[in-house]
Amino acid sequence: MARFSSIALSLLRFATGLMLALFHGLGKVNGALGFFFGDKEWRFIQGVANLGFPIPVVFASLSALAEFVGGLLLAVGLFTRYASAFIAINMAVAVYSHLVSNTRYELALLYFLISLVYLFKGGEGVSIDSFIRKGKV
């Protein structure tokens, strides 16, 4: 039974990380690249500024990295706890911003809760972290 639990948690980690990276982080990273290297407007910066963050360009960039790079790291199970902490902080801010703007917060809350699971559990099961611990990498 423990094996099925491990497989299920690995699948959840992989799917959550991949969805976060591709459906949320990739668009933000593309916006950041266009802003920094293509002279394009990145509207996400204004949203971050509206939340009261100082240096909104830096915090918007960190958010994009949390979702894209953090999501990819979570998906493969590499530095799982660190990636999960980075994602959890980002998603806590996202939940807050959705609550303040009276918009739907359920998805951000779901990402937040799942990232907390892997923050405490780490990359068990099928993960690069697990292979490193076992000396197979």
N, C-alpha and C. Protein backbone atom coordinates (compact mmCIF):
# COMPACT_ATOMS: atom_id res chain seq x y z
N MET A 1 0.81 -1.20 0.00
CA MET A 1 0.00 0.00 0.00
C MET A 1 0.85 1.26 0.00
N ALA A 2 2.00 1.21 0.70
CA ALA A 2 2.89 2.37 0.75
C ALA A 2 3.43 2.70 -0.64
N ARG A 3 3.63 1.68 -1.46
CA ARG A 3 4.13 1.90 -2.82
C ARG A 3 3.12 2.69 -3.65
N PHE A 4 1.83 2.35 -3.52
CA PHE A 4 0.80 3.08 -4.25
C PHE A 4 0.73 4.53 -3.78
N SER A 5 0.89 4.74 -2.50
CA SER A 5 0.88 6.09 -1.95
C SER A 5 2.06 6.90 -2.50
N SER A 6 3.22 6.27 -2.57
CA SER A 6 4.41 6.92 -3.10
C SER A 6 4.23 7.28 -4.57
N ILE A 7 3.63 6.37 -5.33
CA ILE A 7 3.39 6.62 -6.76
C ILE A 7 2.38 7.76 -6.92
N ALA A 8 1.33 7.75 -6.12
CA ALA A 8 0.31 8.80 -6.20
C ALA A 8 0.91 10.17 -5.87
N LEU A 9 1.71 10.23 -4.82
CA LEU A 9 2.33 11.50 -4.44
C LEU A 9 3.33 11.96 -5.50
N SER A 10 4.02 11.03 -6.12
CA SER A 10 4.95 11.39 -7.21
C SER A 10 4.18 11.95 -8.40
N LEU A 11 3.07 11.32 -8.74
CA LEU A 11 2.25 11.82 -9.85
C LEU A 11 1.66 13.20 -9.54
N LEU A 12 1.21 13.39 -8.31
CA LEU A 12 0.68 14.69 -7.92
C LEU A 12 1.77 15.76 -8.00
N ARG A 13 2.96 15.44 -7.51
CA ARG A 13 4.07 16.39 -7.56
C ARG A 13 4.42 16.73 -9.00
N PHE A 14 4.51 15.73 -9.86
CA PHE A 14 4.86 15.94 -11.26
C PHE A 14 3.79 16.78 -11.97
N ALA A 15 2.54 16.41 -11.82
CA ALA A 15 1.46 17.13 -12.51
C ALA A 15 1.33 18.56 -12.00
N THR A 16 1.41 18.75 -10.70
CA THR A 16 1.29 20.09 -10.13
C THR A 16 2.43 20.98 -10.60
N GLY A 17 3.65 20.48 -10.50
CA GLY A 17 4.81 21.26 -10.93
C GLY A 17 4.76 21.61 -12.39
N LEU A 18 4.39 20.65 -13.22
CA LEU A 18 4.32 20.88 -14.67
C LEU A 18 3.22 21.88 -15.02
N MET A 19 2.06 21.74 -14.40
CA MET A 19 0.97 22.69 -14.66
C MET A 19 1.34 24.09 -14.21
N LEU A 20 1.95 24.20 -13.05
CA LEU A 20 2.36 25.51 -12.55
C LEU A 20 3.36 26.15 -13.51
N ALA A 21 4.35 25.38 -13.92
CA ALA A 21 5.40 25.90 -14.80
C ALA A 21 4.84 26.30 -16.17
N LEU A 22 4.06 25.42 -16.77
CA LEU A 22 3.61 25.66 -18.15
C LEU A 22 2.42 26.61 -18.25
N PHE A 23 1.45 26.47 -17.36
CA PHE A 23 0.23 27.27 -17.49
C PHE A 23 0.30 28.62 -16.79
N HIS A 24 1.24 28.80 -15.88
CA HIS A 24 1.32 30.06 -15.15
C HIS A 24 2.69 30.71 -15.27
N GLY A 25 3.74 29.95 -15.05
CA GLY A 25 5.08 30.51 -15.05
C GLY A 25 5.60 30.86 -16.42
N LEU A 26 5.32 30.04 -17.42
CA LEU A 26 5.87 30.27 -18.76
C LEU A 26 5.41 31.61 -19.33
N GLY A 27 4.16 31.95 -19.15
CA GLY A 27 3.66 33.25 -19.63
C GLY A 27 4.33 34.41 -18.93
N LYS A 28 4.56 34.26 -17.63
CA LYS A 28 5.23 35.33 -16.88
C LYS A 28 6.69 35.45 -17.31
N VAL A 29 7.36 34.32 -17.53
CA VAL A 29 8.75 34.36 -17.99
C VAL A 29 8.83 34.98 -19.38
N ASN A 30 7.92 34.62 -20.26
CA ASN A 30 7.90 35.24 -21.59
C ASN A 30 7.68 36.74 -21.49
N GLY A 31 6.78 37.17 -20.60
CA GLY A 31 6.56 38.59 -20.38
C GLY A 31 7.81 39.28 -19.86
N ALA A 32 8.51 38.63 -18.95
CA ALA A 32 9.75 39.19 -18.39
C ALA A 32 10.82 39.30 -19.46
N LEU A 33 10.97 38.25 -20.27
CA LEU A 33 11.98 38.29 -21.34
C LEU A 33 11.67 39.40 -22.34
N GLY A 34 10.39 39.57 -22.69
CA GLY A 34 10.01 40.65 -23.59
C GLY A 34 10.27 42.02 -22.98
N PHE A 35 10.07 42.12 -21.68
CA PHE A 35 10.30 43.39 -20.98
C PHE A 35 11.79 43.71 -20.90
N PHE A 36 12.59 42.73 -20.50
CA PHE A 36 14.01 42.98 -20.30
C PHE A 36 14.81 43.04 -21.60
N PHE A 37 14.40 42.27 -22.60
CA PHE A 37 15.21 42.18 -23.81
C PHE A 37 14.50 42.66 -25.08
N GLY A 38 13.23 42.98 -24.99
CA GLY A 38 12.50 43.32 -26.21
C GLY A 38 11.75 44.62 -26.16
N ASP A 39 11.94 45.40 -25.13
CA ASP A 39 11.25 46.69 -25.01
C ASP A 39 9.73 46.56 -25.05
N LYS A 40 9.20 45.50 -24.45
CA LYS A 40 7.76 45.31 -24.40
C LYS A 40 7.25 45.59 -22.99
N GLU A 41 6.00 45.97 -22.91
CA GLU A 41 5.38 46.22 -21.61
C GLU A 41 5.08 44.88 -20.94
N TRP A 42 5.27 44.82 -19.65
CA TRP A 42 4.95 43.63 -18.86
C TRP A 42 3.94 44.06 -17.82
N ARG A 43 2.67 43.83 -18.09
CA ARG A 43 1.59 44.32 -17.23
C ARG A 43 1.62 43.72 -15.83
N PHE A 44 2.24 42.59 -15.68
CA PHE A 44 2.31 41.94 -14.37
C PHE A 44 3.00 42.84 -13.34
N ILE A 45 3.95 43.64 -13.81
CA ILE A 45 4.67 44.55 -12.90
C ILE A 45 3.70 45.49 -12.20
N GLN A 46 2.73 46.00 -12.93
CA GLN A 46 1.77 46.93 -12.34
C GLN A 46 0.92 46.23 -11.28
N GLY A 47 0.55 44.98 -11.53
CA GLY A 47 -0.19 44.21 -10.53
C GLY A 47 0.60 44.02 -9.25
N VAL A 48 1.89 43.77 -9.40
CA VAL A 48 2.76 43.61 -8.22
C VAL A 48 2.90 44.95 -7.50
N ALA A 49 3.03 46.02 -8.27
CA ALA A 49 3.14 47.36 -7.66
C ALA A 49 1.86 47.71 -6.91
N ASN A 50 0.71 47.32 -7.46
CA ASN A 50 -0.57 47.60 -6.80
C ASN A 50 -0.71 46.89 -5.45
N LEU A 51 0.04 45.81 -5.27
CA LEU A 51 0.03 45.10 -3.99
C LEU A 51 0.91 45.79 -2.95
N GLY A 52 1.65 46.81 -3.39
CA GLY A 52 2.48 47.58 -2.46
C GLY A 52 3.91 47.08 -2.33
N PHE A 53 4.34 46.19 -3.21
CA PHE A 53 5.71 45.70 -3.13
C PHE A 53 6.68 46.78 -3.61
N PRO A 54 7.77 46.98 -2.86
CA PRO A 54 8.81 47.88 -3.36
C PRO A 54 9.55 47.18 -4.51
N ILE A 55 10.10 47.94 -5.39
CA ILE A 55 10.83 47.40 -6.54
C ILE A 55 10.00 46.31 -7.24
N PRO A 56 8.85 46.66 -7.79
CA PRO A 56 7.95 45.65 -8.35
C PRO A 56 8.56 44.83 -9.48
N VAL A 57 9.54 45.37 -10.19
CA VAL A 57 10.18 44.60 -11.27
C VAL A 57 10.90 43.38 -10.67
N VAL A 58 11.55 43.57 -9.54
CA VAL A 58 12.28 42.47 -8.89
C VAL A 58 11.29 41.42 -8.38
N PHE A 59 10.24 41.86 -7.71
CA PHE A 59 9.28 40.91 -7.15
C PHE A 59 8.46 40.21 -8.25
N ALA A 60 8.18 40.90 -9.33
CA ALA A 60 7.50 40.26 -10.46
C ALA A 60 8.40 39.20 -11.08
N SER A 61 9.68 39.50 -11.20
CA SER A 61 10.63 38.53 -11.74
C SER A 61 10.78 37.32 -10.83
N LEU A 62 10.83 37.56 -9.52
CA LEU A 62 10.91 36.45 -8.57
C LEU A 62 9.65 35.57 -8.63
N SER A 63 8.50 36.19 -8.81
CA SER A 63 7.26 35.44 -8.94
C SER A 63 7.28 34.56 -10.19
N ALA A 64 7.75 35.13 -11.30
CA ALA A 64 7.85 34.36 -12.55
C ALA A 64 8.79 33.18 -12.37
N LEU A 65 9.91 33.40 -11.70
CA LEU A 65 10.86 32.31 -11.46
C LEU A 65 10.29 31.26 -10.51
N ALA A 66 9.57 31.71 -9.50
CA ALA A 66 8.96 30.76 -8.55
C ALA A 66 8.01 29.83 -9.28
N GLU A 67 7.21 30.39 -10.18
CA GLU A 67 6.23 29.56 -10.88
C GLU A 67 6.87 28.70 -11.96
N PHE A 68 7.79 29.26 -12.72
CA PHE A 68 8.36 28.49 -13.83
C PHE A 68 9.47 27.55 -13.36
N VAL A 69 10.53 28.10 -12.81
CA VAL A 69 11.65 27.26 -12.38
C VAL A 69 11.24 26.41 -11.18
N GLY A 70 10.55 27.02 -10.22
CA GLY A 70 10.07 26.25 -9.07
C GLY A 70 9.15 25.11 -9.49
N GLY A 71 8.27 25.39 -10.44
CA GLY A 71 7.37 24.35 -10.94
C GLY A 71 8.12 23.21 -11.61
N LEU A 72 9.13 23.56 -12.43
CA LEU A 72 9.92 22.51 -13.08
C LEU A 72 10.70 21.68 -12.07
N LEU A 73 11.29 22.37 -11.08
CA LEU A 73 12.03 21.64 -10.03
C LEU A 73 11.10 20.73 -9.24
N LEU A 74 9.90 21.22 -8.94
CA LEU A 74 8.93 20.40 -8.23
C LEU A 74 8.54 19.19 -9.08
N ALA A 75 8.33 19.40 -10.36
CA ALA A 75 7.90 18.31 -11.24
C ALA A 75 8.91 17.17 -11.27
N VAL A 76 10.19 17.50 -11.35
CA VAL A 76 11.21 16.44 -11.42
C VAL A 76 11.68 16.00 -10.05
N GLY A 77 11.30 16.73 -9.01
CA GLY A 77 11.69 16.36 -7.66
C GLY A 77 13.12 16.69 -7.33
N LEU A 78 13.59 17.83 -7.81
CA LEU A 78 14.95 18.28 -7.51
C LEU A 78 14.89 19.50 -6.61
N PHE A 79 15.62 19.48 -5.51
CA PHE A 79 15.56 20.55 -4.51
C PHE A 79 14.10 20.81 -4.12
N THR A 80 13.38 19.73 -3.91
CA THR A 80 11.93 19.78 -3.73
C THR A 80 11.50 20.71 -2.61
N ARG A 81 12.16 20.61 -1.48
CA ARG A 81 11.75 21.44 -0.34
C ARG A 81 12.00 22.92 -0.61
N TYR A 82 13.13 23.25 -1.21
CA TYR A 82 13.43 24.65 -1.52
C TYR A 82 12.45 25.20 -2.56
N ALA A 83 12.22 24.41 -3.61
CA ALA A 83 11.28 24.84 -4.65
C ALA A 83 9.89 25.01 -4.05
N SER A 84 9.50 24.10 -3.19
CA SER A 84 8.18 24.16 -2.57
C SER A 84 8.04 25.39 -1.67
N ALA A 85 9.10 25.74 -0.96
CA ALA A 85 9.06 26.94 -0.11
C ALA A 85 8.90 28.18 -0.97
N PHE A 86 9.65 28.25 -2.05
CA PHE A 86 9.58 29.38 -2.98
C PHE A 86 8.17 29.50 -3.58
N ILE A 87 7.61 28.35 -3.97
CA ILE A 87 6.26 28.32 -4.54
C ILE A 87 5.23 28.70 -3.48
N ALA A 88 5.36 28.17 -2.27
CA ALA A 88 4.38 28.44 -1.21
C ALA A 88 4.31 29.93 -0.88
N ILE A 89 5.47 30.57 -0.79
CA ILE A 89 5.48 32.01 -0.52
C ILE A 89 4.80 32.77 -1.65
N ASN A 90 5.13 32.40 -2.86
CA ASN A 90 4.53 33.05 -4.03
C ASN A 90 3.01 32.86 -4.06
N MET A 91 2.58 31.64 -3.77
CA MET A 91 1.14 31.35 -3.81
C MET A 91 0.40 32.00 -2.64
N ALA A 92 1.05 32.16 -1.51
CA ALA A 92 0.42 32.88 -0.40
C ALA A 92 0.13 34.32 -0.80
N VAL A 93 1.07 34.94 -1.49
CA VAL A 93 0.86 36.30 -2.00
C VAL A 93 -0.26 36.30 -3.05
N ALA A 94 -0.28 35.27 -3.90
CA ALA A 94 -1.32 35.19 -4.92
C ALA A 94 -2.71 35.04 -4.29
N VAL A 95 -2.81 34.19 -3.27
CA VAL A 95 -4.10 34.03 -2.57
C VAL A 95 -4.53 35.37 -1.98
N TYR A 96 -3.60 36.04 -1.32
CA TYR A 96 -3.90 37.34 -0.73
C TYR A 96 -4.37 38.33 -1.80
N SER A 97 -3.65 38.40 -2.92
CA SER A 97 -4.02 39.37 -3.96
C SER A 97 -5.39 39.06 -4.55
N HIS A 98 -5.72 37.79 -4.68
CA HIS A 98 -7.05 37.43 -5.20
C HIS A 98 -8.14 37.75 -4.18
N LEU A 99 -7.85 37.54 -2.91
CA LEU A 99 -8.84 37.86 -1.88
C LEU A 99 -9.08 39.37 -1.80
N VAL A 100 -8.01 40.15 -1.92
CA VAL A 100 -8.12 41.61 -1.87
C VAL A 100 -8.90 42.14 -3.08
N SER A 101 -8.65 41.55 -4.24
CA SER A 101 -9.32 42.02 -5.45
C SER A 101 -10.66 41.34 -5.68
N ASN A 102 -11.06 40.49 -4.74
CA ASN A 102 -12.34 39.81 -4.80
C ASN A 102 -12.49 38.97 -6.08
N THR A 103 -11.41 38.27 -6.44
CA THR A 103 -11.43 37.36 -7.58
C THR A 103 -11.21 35.94 -7.08
N ARG A 104 -11.33 34.99 -7.97
CA ARG A 104 -11.22 33.58 -7.59
C ARG A 104 -9.81 33.25 -7.10
N TYR A 105 -9.74 32.63 -5.96
CA TYR A 105 -8.46 32.33 -5.33
C TYR A 105 -8.22 30.83 -5.19
N GLU A 106 -9.17 30.01 -5.62
CA GLU A 106 -9.10 28.57 -5.34
C GLU A 106 -7.86 27.92 -5.92
N LEU A 107 -7.50 28.26 -7.16
CA LEU A 107 -6.34 27.61 -7.78
C LEU A 107 -5.05 27.99 -7.06
N ALA A 108 -4.89 29.27 -6.73
CA ALA A 108 -3.70 29.69 -6.00
C ALA A 108 -3.64 29.00 -4.64
N LEU A 109 -4.79 28.85 -3.99
CA LEU A 109 -4.84 28.17 -2.70
C LEU A 109 -4.47 26.70 -2.85
N LEU A 110 -4.93 26.06 -3.91
CA LEU A 110 -4.59 24.67 -4.16
C LEU A 110 -3.09 24.50 -4.39
N TYR A 111 -2.49 25.35 -5.21
CA TYR A 111 -1.04 25.30 -5.41
C TYR A 111 -0.30 25.54 -4.09
N PHE A 112 -0.80 26.47 -3.28
CA PHE A 112 -0.19 26.75 -1.99
C PHE A 112 -0.21 25.51 -1.09
N LEU A 113 -1.37 24.87 -0.98
CA LEU A 113 -1.50 23.71 -0.09
C LEU A 113 -0.65 22.53 -0.57
N ILE A 114 -0.63 22.31 -1.88
CA ILE A 114 0.18 21.21 -2.41
C ILE A 114 1.66 21.50 -2.19
N SER A 115 2.07 22.75 -2.37
CA SER A 115 3.48 23.08 -2.14
C SER A 115 3.86 22.88 -0.67
N LEU A 116 2.91 23.13 0.24
CA LEU A 116 3.19 22.87 1.66
C LEU A 116 3.42 21.39 1.92
N VAL A 117 2.66 20.53 1.24
CA VAL A 117 2.84 19.09 1.40
C VAL A 117 4.28 18.71 1.06
N TYR A 118 4.77 19.22 -0.08
CA TYR A 118 6.12 18.85 -0.51
C TYR A 118 7.21 19.62 0.23
N LEU A 119 6.86 20.74 0.82
CA LEU A 119 7.81 21.44 1.69
C LEU A 119 8.12 20.57 2.90
N PHE A 120 7.10 19.94 3.46
CA PHE A 120 7.30 19.10 4.64
C PHE A 120 7.72 17.68 4.28
N LYS A 121 7.24 17.15 3.17
CA LYS A 121 7.50 15.77 2.80
C LYS A 121 8.80 15.62 2.02
N GLY A 122 9.15 16.61 1.22
CA GLY A 122 10.35 16.50 0.39
C GLY A 122 10.08 15.68 -0.85
N GLY A 123 11.12 15.44 -1.61
CA GLY A 123 10.99 14.70 -2.86
C GLY A 123 11.15 13.22 -2.66
N GLU A 124 10.10 12.58 -2.22
CA GLU A 124 10.12 11.14 -2.03
C GLU A 124 9.59 10.46 -3.27
N GLY A 125 9.65 9.16 -3.30
CA GLY A 125 9.13 8.41 -4.43
C GLY A 125 10.02 8.56 -5.64
N VAL A 126 9.41 8.74 -6.79
CA VAL A 126 10.15 8.90 -8.03
C VAL A 126 10.56 10.36 -8.15
N SER A 127 11.80 10.66 -7.76
CA SER A 127 12.29 12.03 -7.82
C SER A 127 13.80 12.02 -7.90
N ILE A 128 14.36 13.09 -8.41
CA ILE A 128 15.81 13.20 -8.45
C ILE A 128 16.38 13.26 -7.04
N ASP A 129 15.69 13.97 -6.15
CA ASP A 129 16.12 14.02 -4.75
C ASP A 129 16.26 12.61 -4.15
N SER A 130 15.29 11.77 -4.43
CA SER A 130 15.30 10.40 -3.90
C SER A 130 16.46 9.59 -4.48
N PHE A 131 16.69 9.75 -5.77
CA PHE A 131 17.81 9.04 -6.40
C PHE A 131 19.15 9.51 -5.84
N ILE A 132 19.27 10.80 -5.57
CA ILE A 132 20.51 11.34 -4.98
C ILE A 132 20.73 10.77 -3.59
N ARG A 133 19.66 10.74 -2.79
CA ARG A 133 19.77 10.18 -1.43
C ARG A 133 20.20 8.71 -1.45
N LYS A 134 19.72 7.98 -2.43
CA LYS A 134 20.04 6.55 -2.51
C LYS A 134 21.39 6.31 -3.19
N GLY A 135 22.04 7.37 -3.65
CA GLY A 135 23.35 7.24 -4.30
C GLY A 135 23.30 6.72 -5.71
N LYS A 136 22.15 6.86 -6.38
CA LYS A 136 22.01 6.35 -7.73
C LYS A 136 22.31 7.41 -8.79
N VAL A 137 22.57 8.64 -8.34
CA VAL A 137 22.91 9.70 -9.30
C VAL A 137 24.27 10.23 -8.96
